[in-house]
Amino acid sequence: MSVCKSLKGYTRKHERLADIFSLLAVALLFGTLYIVLAYHTPIVSWLKKDAVIHVPIAIALLLFDIFIIYMCLNIGAARFADEDESCFHTFKGRRAGSGSIGVMFNNWLHHMEQVGKKHR
């Protein structure tokens, strides 16, 4: 059994835990925004001290934070997936390979509407 399937089963049985992960993702997002805005001056001065070392560290920390937020959102949303649905999906705009921005946006919008219907 894959990690995704066992995670789906666990979050279906323990919906409170899935809710906690969803709230944790939101808290991390707004906490990150608060820290960046509240400590903007010290962060920028720290980045300017040794940009060659500090900028890649800051980018890595930001990417790690985004990864943690994304994982918390995935764990929180795993309880809404259907039983027969596979764990990895993409929306049609990525698979179709169309170069038109309008077509990609329309496909993405349709995908988000379908996801919204599943969560109701």
Protein backbone atom coordinates (compact mmCIF):
# COMPACT_ATOMS: atom_id res chain seq x y z
CA MET A 1 0.00 0.00 0.00
CA SER A 2 1.36 3.39 -0.93
CA VAL A 3 1.89 6.19 1.53
CA CYS A 4 -0.81 8.21 -0.21
CA LYS A 5 -3.46 5.48 0.20
CA SER A 6 -2.63 4.91 3.86
CA LEU A 7 -2.70 8.67 4.49
CA LYS A 8 -6.12 8.96 2.84
CA GLY A 9 -7.48 6.15 4.98
CA TYR A 10 -6.04 7.60 8.18
CA THR A 11 -7.38 11.11 7.55
CA ARG A 12 -10.82 9.74 6.70
CA LYS A 13 -10.93 7.96 10.05
CA HIS A 14 -9.51 10.92 11.97
CA GLU A 15 -11.04 14.01 10.39
CA ARG A 16 -10.00 16.20 13.32
CA LEU A 17 -6.36 15.47 12.53
CA ALA A 18 -6.91 16.45 8.90
CA ASP A 19 -8.56 19.67 10.09
CA ILE A 20 -5.56 20.40 12.30
CA PHE A 21 -3.21 19.99 9.33
CA SER A 22 -5.34 22.35 7.25
CA LEU A 23 -5.26 24.94 10.04
CA LEU A 24 -1.52 24.40 10.44
CA ALA A 25 -1.01 25.18 6.75
CA VAL A 26 -2.97 28.42 7.09
CA ALA A 27 -1.09 29.34 10.27
CA LEU A 28 2.25 28.70 8.56
CA LEU A 29 1.27 30.83 5.60
CA PHE A 30 0.16 33.80 7.65
CA GLY A 31 2.98 33.30 10.15
CA THR A 32 5.53 33.45 7.36
CA LEU A 33 3.93 36.61 5.98
CA TYR A 34 3.91 38.19 9.44
CA ILE A 35 7.56 37.36 10.10
CA VAL A 36 8.67 38.70 6.72
CA LEU A 37 6.70 41.92 7.15
CA ALA A 38 7.49 42.48 10.83
CA TYR A 39 11.21 41.76 10.51
CA HIS A 40 11.77 43.11 7.01
CA THR A 41 14.64 45.46 7.96
CA PRO A 42 16.71 42.90 9.92
CA ILE A 43 16.17 40.29 7.20
CA VAL A 44 17.32 42.64 4.44
CA SER A 45 20.36 43.76 6.44
CA TRP A 46 21.23 40.11 7.13
CA LEU A 47 20.93 39.34 3.42
CA LYS A 48 23.20 42.27 2.53
CA LYS A 49 25.98 41.24 4.95
CA ASP A 50 27.04 38.22 2.91
CA ALA A 51 24.73 37.87 -0.07
CA VAL A 52 26.59 34.91 -1.57
CA ILE A 53 25.84 32.75 1.47
CA HIS A 54 22.70 34.30 2.94
CA VAL A 55 20.53 34.64 -0.19
CA PRO A 56 20.66 30.89 -1.04
CA ILE A 57 19.95 30.10 2.62
CA ALA A 58 16.92 32.44 2.58
CA ILE A 59 15.66 30.94 -0.68
CA ALA A 60 16.10 27.41 0.67
CA LEU A 61 14.21 28.31 3.85
CA LEU A 62 11.41 29.87 1.82
CA LEU A 63 11.15 26.81 -0.43
CA PHE A 64 11.14 24.53 2.63
CA ASP A 65 8.35 26.63 4.17
CA ILE A 66 6.31 26.41 0.96
CA PHE A 67 6.91 22.65 0.84
CA ILE A 68 5.69 22.23 4.44
CA ILE A 69 2.59 24.36 3.74
CA TYR A 70 1.84 22.32 0.62
CA MET A 71 2.26 19.02 2.46
CA CYS A 72 -0.03 20.16 5.29
CA LEU A 73 -2.66 21.17 2.74
CA ASN A 74 -2.36 17.79 1.01
CA ILE A 75 -2.77 15.91 4.29
CA GLY A 76 -5.74 18.09 5.22
CA ALA A 77 -7.44 17.60 1.85
CA ALA A 78 -6.77 13.86 1.54
CA ARG A 79 -10.04 13.02 3.32
CA PHE A 80 -12.10 14.43 0.40
CA ALA A 81 -10.71 12.17 -2.33
CA ASP A 82 -12.73 9.32 -3.78
CA GLU A 83 -11.73 5.72 -3.10
CA ASP A 84 -10.99 4.89 -6.75
CA GLU A 85 -9.14 8.16 -7.38
CA SER A 86 -5.40 7.85 -7.83
CA CYS A 87 -3.04 9.89 -5.69
CA PHE A 88 -1.40 12.06 -8.32
CA HIS A 89 -3.34 14.35 -10.66
CA THR A 90 -2.77 17.21 -12.99
CA PHE A 91 -5.20 19.48 -14.73
CA LYS A 92 -5.85 19.32 -18.47
CA GLY A 93 -3.85 22.45 -19.32
CA ARG A 94 -0.61 20.76 -18.29
CA ARG A 95 -1.34 17.56 -20.21
CA ALA A 96 -2.71 19.20 -23.36
CA GLY A 97 0.47 21.17 -24.02
CA SER A 98 -1.46 24.09 -25.44
CA GLY A 99 0.52 27.29 -25.77
CA SER A 100 -2.43 29.62 -25.43
CA ILE A 101 -2.70 31.38 -22.09
CA GLY A 102 -6.49 31.62 -22.45
CA VAL A 103 -6.91 27.88 -23.04
CA MET A 104 -4.62 27.02 -20.13
CA PHE A 105 -6.51 29.42 -17.84
CA ASN A 106 -9.85 27.97 -18.96
CA ASN A 107 -8.63 24.42 -18.29
CA TRP A 108 -7.28 25.43 -14.90
CA LEU A 109 -10.57 27.16 -14.01
CA HIS A 110 -12.54 24.07 -15.03
CA HIS A 111 -10.20 21.91 -12.92
CA MET A 112 -10.66 24.16 -9.87
CA GLU A 113 -14.45 24.05 -10.30
CA GLN A 114 -14.34 20.25 -10.34
CA VAL A 115 -12.16 20.19 -7.22
CA GLY A 116 -14.59 22.60 -5.55
CA LYS A 117 -17.52 20.28 -6.32
CA LYS A 118 -15.71 17.36 -4.66
CA HIS A 119 -15.13 19.37 -1.46
CA ARG A 120 -18.77 20.32 -0.96
